[in-house]
PDB file of all heavy atoms in Angstrom:
ATOM      1  N   LEU A   1    -100.517   4.316-200.614  1.00  0.00           N
ATOM      2  CA  LEU A   1    -101.974   4.403-200.783  1.00  0.00           C
ATOM      3  C   LEU A   1    -102.446   5.851-200.694  1.00  0.00           C
ATOM      4  O   LEU A   1    -103.339   6.270-201.438  1.00  0.00           O
ATOM      5  CB  LEU A   1    -102.682   3.547-199.737  1.00  0.00           C
ATOM      6  CG  LEU A   1    -102.499   2.035-199.853  1.00  0.00           C
ATOM      7  CD1 LEU A   1    -103.229   1.326-198.725  1.00  0.00           C
ATOM      8  CD2 LEU A   1    -102.999   1.527-201.200  1.00  0.00           C
ATOM      9  N   ILE A   2    -101.854   6.616-199.769  1.00  0.00           N
ATOM     10  CA  ILE A   2    -102.235   8.029-199.628  1.00  0.00           C
ATOM     11  C   ILE A   2    -101.744   8.824-200.830  1.00  0.00           C
ATOM     12  O   ILE A   2    -102.487   9.599-201.434  1.00  0.00           O
ATOM     13  CB  ILE A   2    -101.657   8.610-198.326  1.00  0.00           C
ATOM     14  CG1 ILE A   2    -102.244   7.901-197.105  1.00  0.00           C
ATOM     15  CG2 ILE A   2    -101.948  10.114-198.240  1.00  0.00           C
ATOM     16  CD1 ILE A   2    -101.521   8.225-195.811  1.00  0.00           C
ATOM     17  N   ARG A   3    -100.476   8.630-201.174  1.00  0.00           N
ATOM     18  CA  ARG A   3     -99.865   9.401-202.262  1.00  0.00           C
ATOM     19  C   ARG A   3    -100.566   9.127-203.601  1.00  0.00           C
ATOM     20  O   ARG A   3    -100.755  10.029-204.410  1.00  0.00           O
ATOM     21  CB  ARG A   3     -98.384   9.063-202.367  1.00  0.00           C
ATOM     22  CG  ARG A   3     -97.618   9.912-203.373  1.00  0.00           C
ATOM     23  CD  ARG A   3     -96.154   9.520-203.401  1.00  0.00           C
ATOM     24  NE  ARG A   3     -95.468   9.855-202.149  1.00  0.00           N
ATOM     25  CZ  ARG A   3     -94.917   8.957-201.326  1.00  0.00           C
ATOM     26  NH1 ARG A   3     -94.970   7.664-201.618  1.00  0.00           N
ATOM     27  NH2 ARG A   3     -94.315   9.348-200.228  1.00  0.00           N
ATOM     28  N   ASP A   4    -100.960   7.883-203.824  1.00  0.00           N
ATOM     29  CA  ASP A   4    -101.579   7.503-205.089  1.00  0.00           C
ATOM     30  C   ASP A   4    -103.090   7.700-205.100  1.00  0.00           C
ATOM     31  O   ASP A   4    -103.767   7.236-206.023  1.00  0.00           O
ATOM     32  CB  ASP A   4    -101.245   6.044-205.419  1.00  0.00           C
ATOM     33  CG  ASP A   4     -99.768   5.840-205.740  1.00  0.00           C
ATOM     34  OD1 ASP A   4     -99.036   6.846-205.781  1.00  0.00           O
ATOM     35  OD2 ASP A   4     -99.348   4.689-205.936  1.00  0.00           O
ATOM     36  N   GLU A   5    -103.630   8.375-204.077  1.00  0.00           N
ATOM     37  CA  GLU A   5    -105.062   8.711-204.026  1.00  0.00           C
ATOM     38  C   GLU A   5    -105.940   7.481-204.221  1.00  0.00           C
ATOM     39  O   GLU A   5    -106.841   7.450-205.057  1.00  0.00           O
ATOM     40  CB  GLU A   5    -105.392   9.758-205.101  1.00  0.00           C
ATOM     41  CG  GLU A   5    -104.919  11.162-204.775  1.00  0.00           C
ATOM     42  CD  GLU A   5    -105.892  11.913-203.888  1.00  0.00           C
ATOM     43  OE1 GLU A   5    -106.884  11.317-203.426  1.00  0.00           O
ATOM     44  OE2 GLU A   5    -105.651  13.101-203.651  1.00  0.00           O
ATOM     45  N   LEU A   6    -105.702   6.450-203.391  1.00  0.00           N
ATOM     46  CA  LEU A   6    -106.452   5.210-203.537  1.00  0.00           C
ATOM     47  C   LEU A   6    -107.691   5.166-202.649  1.00  0.00           C
ATOM     48  O   LEU A   6    -108.290   4.097-202.470  1.00  0.00           O
ATOM     49  CB  LEU A   6    -105.548   4.015-203.223  1.00  0.00           C
ATOM     50  CG  LEU A   6    -104.821   3.398-204.422  1.00  0.00           C
ATOM     51  CD1 LEU A   6    -105.799   2.758-205.389  1.00  0.00           C
ATOM     52  CD2 LEU A   6    -103.941   4.409-205.131  1.00  0.00           C
ATOM     53  N   GLY A   7    -108.086   6.316-202.100  1.00  0.00           N
ATOM     54  CA  GLY A   7    -109.230   6.334-201.199  1.00  0.00           C
ATOM     55  C   GLY A   7    -110.505   5.839-201.841  1.00  0.00           C
ATOM     56  O   GLY A   7    -111.277   5.088-201.232  1.00  0.00           O
ATOM     57  N   TYR A   8    -110.763   6.232-203.085  1.00  0.00           N
ATOM     58  CA  TYR A   8    -112.017   5.848-203.713  1.00  0.00           C
ATOM     59  C   TYR A   8    -112.074   4.348-203.990  1.00  0.00           C
ATOM     60  O   TYR A   8    -113.101   3.707-203.761  1.00  0.00           O
ATOM     61  CB  TYR A   8    -112.240   6.629-205.008  1.00  0.00           C
ATOM     62  CG  TYR A   8    -113.561   6.275-205.663  1.00  0.00           C
ATOM     63  CD1 TYR A   8    -114.756   6.655-205.068  1.00  0.00           C
ATOM     64  CD2 TYR A   8    -113.601   5.525-206.833  1.00  0.00           C
ATOM     65  CE1 TYR A   8    -115.970   6.311-205.631  1.00  0.00           C
ATOM     66  CE2 TYR A   8    -114.810   5.179-207.406  1.00  0.00           C
ATOM     67  CZ  TYR A   8    -115.997   5.574-206.799  1.00  0.00           C
ATOM     68  OH  TYR A   8    -117.195   5.223-207.358  1.00  0.00           O
ATOM     69  N   GLU A   9    -110.958   3.772-204.480  1.00  0.00           N
ATOM     70  CA  GLU A   9    -110.949   2.333-204.725  1.00  0.00           C
ATOM     71  C   GLU A   9    -111.163   1.548-203.437  1.00  0.00           C
ATOM     72  O   GLU A   9    -111.889   0.555-203.396  1.00  0.00           O
ATOM     73  CB  GLU A   9    -109.632   1.912-205.384  1.00  0.00           C
ATOM     74  CG  GLU A   9    -109.543   2.235-206.856  1.00  0.00           C
ATOM     75  CD  GLU A   9    -109.071   3.643-207.114  1.00  0.00           C
ATOM     76  OE1 GLU A   9    -109.052   4.457-206.154  1.00  0.00           O
ATOM     77  OE2 GLU A   9    -108.728   3.954-208.265  1.00  0.00           O
ATOM     78  N   LEU A  10    -110.522   2.009-202.356  1.00  0.00           N
ATOM     79  CA  LEU A  10    -110.717   1.344-201.073  1.00  0.00           C
ATOM     80  C   LEU A  10    -112.153   1.508-200.599  1.00  0.00           C
ATOM     81  O   LEU A  10    -112.763   0.556-200.083  1.00  0.00           O
ATOM     82  CB  LEU A  10    -109.742   1.920-200.045  1.00  0.00           C
ATOM     83  CG  LEU A  10    -109.772   1.298-198.650  1.00  0.00           C
ATOM     84  CD1 LEU A  10    -109.459  -0.188-198.715  1.00  0.00           C
ATOM     85  CD2 LEU A  10    -108.793   2.016-197.723  1.00  0.00           C
ATOM     86  N   TYR A  11    -112.701   2.701-200.783  1.00  0.00           N
ATOM     87  CA  TYR A  11    -114.094   2.963-200.409  1.00  0.00           C
ATOM     88  C   TYR A  11    -115.036   1.993-201.132  1.00  0.00           C
ATOM     89  O   TYR A  11    -115.943   1.413-200.526  1.00  0.00           O
ATOM     90  CB  TYR A  11    -114.442   4.407-200.755  1.00  0.00           C
ATOM     91  CG  TYR A  11    -115.916   4.713-200.819  1.00  0.00           C
ATOM     92  CD1 TYR A  11    -116.642   4.954-199.657  1.00  0.00           C
ATOM     93  CD2 TYR A  11    -116.586   4.753-202.032  1.00  0.00           C
ATOM     94  CE1 TYR A  11    -118.009   5.228-199.708  1.00  0.00           C
ATOM     95  CE2 TYR A  11    -117.940   5.028-202.090  1.00  0.00           C
ATOM     96  CZ  TYR A  11    -118.639   5.259-200.928  1.00  0.00           C
ATOM     97  OH  TYR A  11    -119.982   5.513-200.992  1.00  0.00           O
ATOM     98  N   ARG A  12    -114.833   1.810-202.426  1.00  0.00           N
ATOM     99  CA  ARG A  12    -115.695   0.902-203.189  1.00  0.00           C
ATOM    100  C   ARG A  12    -115.589  -0.535-202.681  1.00  0.00           C
ATOM    101  O   ARG A  12    -116.595  -1.238-202.566  1.00  0.00           O
ATOM    102  CB  ARG A  12    -115.346   0.951-204.674  1.00  0.00           C
ATOM    103  CG  ARG A  12    -115.782   2.223-205.364  1.00  0.00           C
ATOM    104  CD  ARG A  12    -115.816   2.054-206.870  1.00  0.00           C
ATOM    105  NE  ARG A  12    -114.516   1.685-207.410  1.00  0.00           N
ATOM    106  CZ  ARG A  12    -114.286   1.451-208.692  1.00  0.00           C
ATOM    107  NH1 ARG A  12    -115.277   1.530-209.562  1.00  0.00           N
ATOM    108  NH2 ARG A  12    -113.063   1.137-209.112  1.00  0.00           N
ATOM    109  N   ALA A  13    -114.372  -0.963-202.377  1.00  0.00           N
ATOM    110  CA  ALA A  13    -114.188  -2.329-201.902  1.00  0.00           C
ATOM    111  C   ALA A  13    -114.862  -2.542-200.547  1.00  0.00           C
ATOM    112  O   ALA A  13    -115.554  -3.546-200.328  1.00  0.00           O
ATOM    113  CB  ALA A  13    -112.695  -2.647-201.812  1.00  0.00           C
ATOM    114  N   VAL A  14    -114.685  -1.592-199.641  1.00  0.00           N
ATOM    115  CA  VAL A  14    -115.264  -1.713-198.300  1.00  0.00           C
ATOM    116  C   VAL A  14    -116.785  -1.617-198.355  1.00  0.00           C
ATOM    117  O   VAL A  14    -117.499  -2.401-197.701  1.00  0.00           O
ATOM    118  CB  VAL A  14    -114.664  -0.640-197.368  1.00  0.00           C
ATOM    119  CG1 VAL A  14    -115.434  -0.565-196.050  1.00  0.00           C
ATOM    120  CG2 VAL A  14    -113.198  -0.931-197.112  1.00  0.00           C
ATOM    121  N   SER A  15    -117.308  -0.674-199.129  1.00  0.00           N
ATOM    122  CA  SER A  15    -118.764  -0.536-199.246  1.00  0.00           C
ATOM    123  C   SER A  15    -119.385  -1.768-199.884  1.00  0.00           C
ATOM    124  O   SER A  15    -120.483  -2.185-199.509  1.00  0.00           O
ATOM    125  CB  SER A  15    -119.108   0.712-200.064  1.00  0.00           C
ATOM    126  OG  SER A  15    -118.718   1.875-199.371  1.00  0.00           O
ATOM    127  N   GLY A  16    -118.678  -2.356-200.861  1.00  0.00           N
ATOM    128  CA  GLY A  16    -119.176  -3.582-201.471  1.00  0.00           C
ATOM    129  C   GLY A  16    -119.233  -4.727-200.479  1.00  0.00           C
ATOM    130  O   GLY A  16    -120.200  -5.507-200.460  1.00  0.00           O
ATOM    131  N   LEU A  17    -118.213  -4.837-199.635  1.00  0.00           N
ATOM    132  CA  LEU A  17    -118.217  -5.865-198.592  1.00  0.00           C
ATOM    133  C   LEU A  17    -119.382  -5.655-197.635  1.00  0.00           C
ATOM    134  O   LEU A  17    -120.109  -6.603-197.296  1.00  0.00           O
ATOM    135  CB  LEU A  17    -116.897  -5.801-197.828  1.00  0.00           C
ATOM    136  CG  LEU A  17    -116.814  -6.688-196.580  1.00  0.00           C
ATOM    137  CD1 LEU A  17    -116.598  -8.132-196.968  1.00  0.00           C
ATOM    138  CD2 LEU A  17    -115.700  -6.221-195.649  1.00  0.00           C
ATOM    139  N   LYS A  18    -119.577  -4.416-197.206  1.00  0.00           N
ATOM    140  CA  LYS A  18    -120.665  -4.108-196.268  1.00  0.00           C
ATOM    141  C   LYS A  18    -122.022  -4.470-196.869  1.00  0.00           C
ATOM    142  O   LYS A  18    -122.890  -5.035-196.186  1.00  0.00           O
ATOM    143  CB  LYS A  18    -120.616  -2.628-195.906  1.00  0.00           C
ATOM    144  CG  LYS A  18    -121.636  -2.184-194.875  1.00  0.00           C
ATOM    145  CD  LYS A  18    -121.448  -0.712-194.531  1.00  0.00           C
ATOM    146  CE  LYS A  18    -121.725   0.184-195.723  1.00  0.00           C
ATOM    147  NZ  LYS A  18    -121.603   1.624-195.390  1.00  0.00           N
ATOM    148  N   ALA A  19    -122.216  -4.157-198.145  1.00  0.00           N
ATOM    149  CA  ALA A  19    -123.473  -4.482-198.806  1.00  0.00           C
ATOM    150  C   ALA A  19    -123.685  -5.990-198.874  1.00  0.00           C
ATOM    151  O   ALA A  19    -124.801  -6.487-198.653  1.00  0.00           O
ATOM    152  CB  ALA A  19    -123.503  -3.876-200.209  1.00  0.00           C
ATOM    153  N   GLU A  20    -122.624  -6.742-199.169  1.00  0.00           N
ATOM    154  CA  GLU A  20    -122.751  -8.207-199.233  1.00  0.00           C
ATOM    155  C   GLU A  20    -123.126  -8.777-197.878  1.00  0.00           C
ATOM    156  O   GLU A  20    -123.905  -9.745-197.787  1.00  0.00           O
ATOM    157  CB  GLU A  20    -121.446  -8.828-199.721  1.00  0.00           C
ATOM    158  CG  GLU A  20    -121.211  -8.712-201.224  1.00  0.00           C
ATOM    159  CD  GLU A  20    -120.065  -9.606-201.673  1.00  0.00           C
ATOM    160  OE1 GLU A  20    -120.148 -10.834-201.430  1.00  0.00           O
ATOM    161  OE2 GLU A  20    -119.099  -9.069-202.244  1.00  0.00           O
ATOM    162  N   LEU A  21    -122.576  -8.210-196.808  1.00  0.00           N
ATOM    163  CA  LEU A  21    -122.869  -8.727-195.474  1.00  0.00           C
ATOM    164  C   LEU A  21    -124.305  -8.448-195.040  1.00  0.00           C
ATOM    165  O   LEU A  21    -124.751  -8.990-194.029  1.00  0.00           O
ATOM    166  CB  LEU A  21    -121.888  -8.122-194.460  1.00  0.00           C
ATOM    167  CG  LEU A  21    -120.441  -8.608-194.569  1.00  0.00           C
ATOM    168  CD1 LEU A  21    -119.549  -7.853-193.587  1.00  0.00           C
ATOM    169  CD2 LEU A  21    -120.350 -10.107-194.313  1.00  0.00           C
ATOM    170  N   SER A  22    -125.018  -7.624-195.806  1.00  0.00           N
ATOM    171  CA  SER A  22    -126.425  -7.385-195.497  1.00  0.00           C
ATOM    172  C   SER A  22    -127.300  -8.573-195.887  1.00  0.00           C
ATOM    173  O   SER A  22    -128.420  -8.703-195.397  1.00  0.00           O
ATOM    174  CB  SER A  22    -126.927  -6.118-196.204  1.00  0.00           C
ATOM    175  OG  SER A  22    -126.342  -4.977-195.631  1.00  0.00           O
ATOM    176  N   HIS A  23    -126.785  -9.438-196.766  1.00  0.00           N
ATOM    177  CA  HIS A  23    -127.584 -10.606-197.172  1.00  0.00           C
ATOM    178  C   HIS A  23    -126.799 -11.915-197.148  1.00  0.00           C
ATOM    179  O   HIS A  23    -127.320 -12.960-197.550  1.00  0.00           O
ATOM    180  CB  HIS A  23    -128.180 -10.382-198.567  1.00  0.00           C
ATOM    181  CG  HIS A  23    -127.162 -10.079-199.630  1.00  0.00           C
ATOM    182  ND1 HIS A  23    -126.362 -11.037-200.193  1.00  0.00           N
ATOM    183  CD2 HIS A  23    -126.801  -8.901-200.203  1.00  0.00           C
ATOM    184  CE1 HIS A  23    -125.568 -10.480-201.085  1.00  0.00           C
ATOM    185  NE2 HIS A  23    -125.800  -9.189-201.113  1.00  0.00           N
ATOM    186  N   ALA A  24    -125.553 -11.886-196.679  1.00  0.00           N
ATOM    187  CA  ALA A  24    -124.744 -13.099-196.595  1.00  0.00           C
ATOM    188  C   ALA A  24    -124.068 -13.177-195.226  1.00  0.00           C
ATOM    189  O   ALA A  24    -123.832 -12.157-194.588  1.00  0.00           O
ATOM    190  CB  ALA A  24    -123.688 -13.118-197.698  1.00  0.00           C
ATOM    191  N   GLU A  25    -123.771 -14.387-194.799  1.00  0.00           N
ATOM    192  CA  GLU A  25    -123.143 -14.566-193.494  1.00  0.00           C
ATOM    193  C   GLU A  25    -121.654 -14.220-193.514  1.00  0.00           C
ATOM    194  O   GLU A  25    -121.050 -14.003-192.466  1.00  0.00           O
ATOM    195  CB  GLU A  25    -123.321 -16.013-193.016  1.00  0.00           C
ATOM    196  CG  GLU A  25    -124.763 -16.351-192.661  1.00  0.00           C
ATOM    197  CD  GLU A  25    -125.319 -15.470-191.560  1.00  0.00           C
ATOM    198  OE1 GLU A  25    -124.587 -15.190-190.585  1.00  0.00           O
ATOM    199  OE2 GLU A  25    -126.481 -15.034-191.677  1.00  0.00           O
ATOM    200  N   SER A  26    -121.055 -14.174-194.706  1.00  0.00           N
ATOM    201  CA  SER A  26    -119.658 -13.773-194.824  1.00  0.00           C
ATOM    202  C   SER A  26    -119.412 -13.226-196.226  1.00  0.00           C
ATOM    203  O   SER A  26    -120.194 -13.493-197.151  1.00  0.00           O
ATOM    204  CB  SER A  26    -118.705 -14.947-194.535  1.00  0.00           C
ATOM    205  OG  SER A  26    -118.835 -15.951-195.526  1.00  0.00           O
ATOM    206  N   ALA A  27    -118.359 -12.466-196.381  1.00  0.00           N
ATOM    207  CA  ALA A  27    -117.996 -11.898-197.681  1.00  0.00           C
ATOM    208  C   ALA A  27    -116.493 -11.664-197.680  1.00  0.00           C
ATOM    209  O   ALA A  27    -115.845 -11.646-196.629  1.00  0.00           O
ATOM    210  CB  ALA A  27    -118.750 -10.596-197.930  1.00  0.00           C
ATOM    211  N   VAL A  28    -115.943 -11.482-198.874  1.00  0.00           N
ATOM    212  CA  VAL A  28    -114.499 -11.332-199.014  1.00  0.00           C
ATOM    213  C   VAL A  28    -114.168  -9.894-199.399  1.00  0.00           C
ATOM    214  O   VAL A  28    -114.749  -9.349-200.344  1.00  0.00           O
ATOM    215  CB  VAL A  28    -113.940 -12.297-200.075  1.00  0.00           C
ATOM    216  CG1 VAL A  28    -112.426 -12.098-200.234  1.00  0.00           C
ATOM    217  CG2 VAL A  28    -114.242 -13.735-199.688  1.00  0.00           C
ATOM    218  N   LEU A  29    -113.232  -9.295-198.655  1.00  0.00           N
ATOM    219  CA  LEU A  29    -112.727  -7.975-199.008  1.00  0.00           C
ATOM    220  C   LEU A  29    -111.551  -8.162-199.962  1.00  0.00           C
ATOM    221  O   LEU A  29    -110.519  -8.736-199.586  1.00  0.00           O
ATOM    222  CB  LEU A  29    -112.274  -7.215-197.757  1.00  0.00           C
ATOM    223  CG  LEU A  29    -111.658  -5.830-198.025  1.00  0.00           C
ATOM    224  CD1 LEU A  29    -112.686  -4.898-198.651  1.00  0.00           C
ATOM    225  CD2 LEU A  29    -111.097  -5.214-196.741  1.00  0.00           C
ATOM    226  N   HIS A  30    -111.714  -7.679-201.196  1.00  0.00           N
ATOM    227  CA  HIS A  30    -110.650  -7.711-202.200  1.00  0.00           C
ATOM    228  C   HIS A  30    -110.136  -6.295-202.406  1.00  0.00           C
ATOM    229  O   HIS A  30    -110.901  -5.386-202.702  1.00  0.00           O
ATOM    230  CB  HIS A  30    -111.187  -8.216-203.550  1.00  0.00           C
ATOM    231  CG  HIS A  30    -111.530  -9.673-203.572  1.00  0.00           C
ATOM    232  ND1 HIS A  30    -110.597 -10.662-203.781  1.00  0.00           N
ATOM    233  CD2 HIS A  30    -112.707 -10.306-203.415  1.00  0.00           C
ATOM    234  CE1 HIS A  30    -111.192 -11.843-203.755  1.00  0.00           C
ATOM    235  NE2 HIS A  30    -112.471 -11.651-203.528  1.00  0.00           N
ATOM    236  N   PHE A  31    -108.837  -6.108-202.265  1.00  0.00           N
ATOM    237  CA  PHE A  31    -108.243  -4.815-202.569  1.00  0.00           C
ATOM    238  C   PHE A  31    -106.778  -5.031-202.909  1.00  0.00           C
ATOM    239  O   PHE A  31    -106.045  -5.673-202.147  1.00  0.00           O
ATOM    240  CB  PHE A  31    -108.364  -3.843-201.393  1.00  0.00           C
ATOM    241  CG  PHE A  31    -107.783  -2.488-201.667  1.00  0.00           C
ATOM    242  CD1 PHE A  31    -108.485  -1.566-202.427  1.00  0.00           C
ATOM    243  CD2 PHE A  31    -106.514  -2.146-201.201  1.00  0.00           C
ATOM    244  CE1 PHE A  31    -107.937  -0.316-202.706  1.00  0.00           C
ATOM    245  CE2 PHE A  31    -105.970  -0.897-201.464  1.00  0.00           C
ATOM    246  CZ  PHE A  31    -106.688   0.014-202.227  1.00  0.00           C
ATOM    247  N   THR A  32    -106.348  -4.480-204.052  1.00  0.00           N
ATOM    248  CA  THR A  32    -104.964  -4.659-204.493  1.00  0.00           C
ATOM    249  C   THR A  32    -104.440  -3.359-205.077  1.00  0.00           C
ATOM    250  O   THR A  32    -105.141  -2.690-205.845  1.00  0.00           O
ATOM    251  CB  THR A  32    -104.866  -5.762-205.569  1.00  0.00           C
ATOM    252  OG1 THR A  32    -105.378  -6.986-205.039  1.00  0.00           O
ATOM    253  CG2 THR A  32    -103.417  -5.973-205.989  1.00  0.00           C
TER     254      THR A  32
END
């Protein structure tokens, strides 16, 4: 993950989860 510079993709997935939790009781973190 470090070598392949996957920080931005992980950032998008985590930020998307956080945003969903602002209006939902649960959300799914997807990252592959």
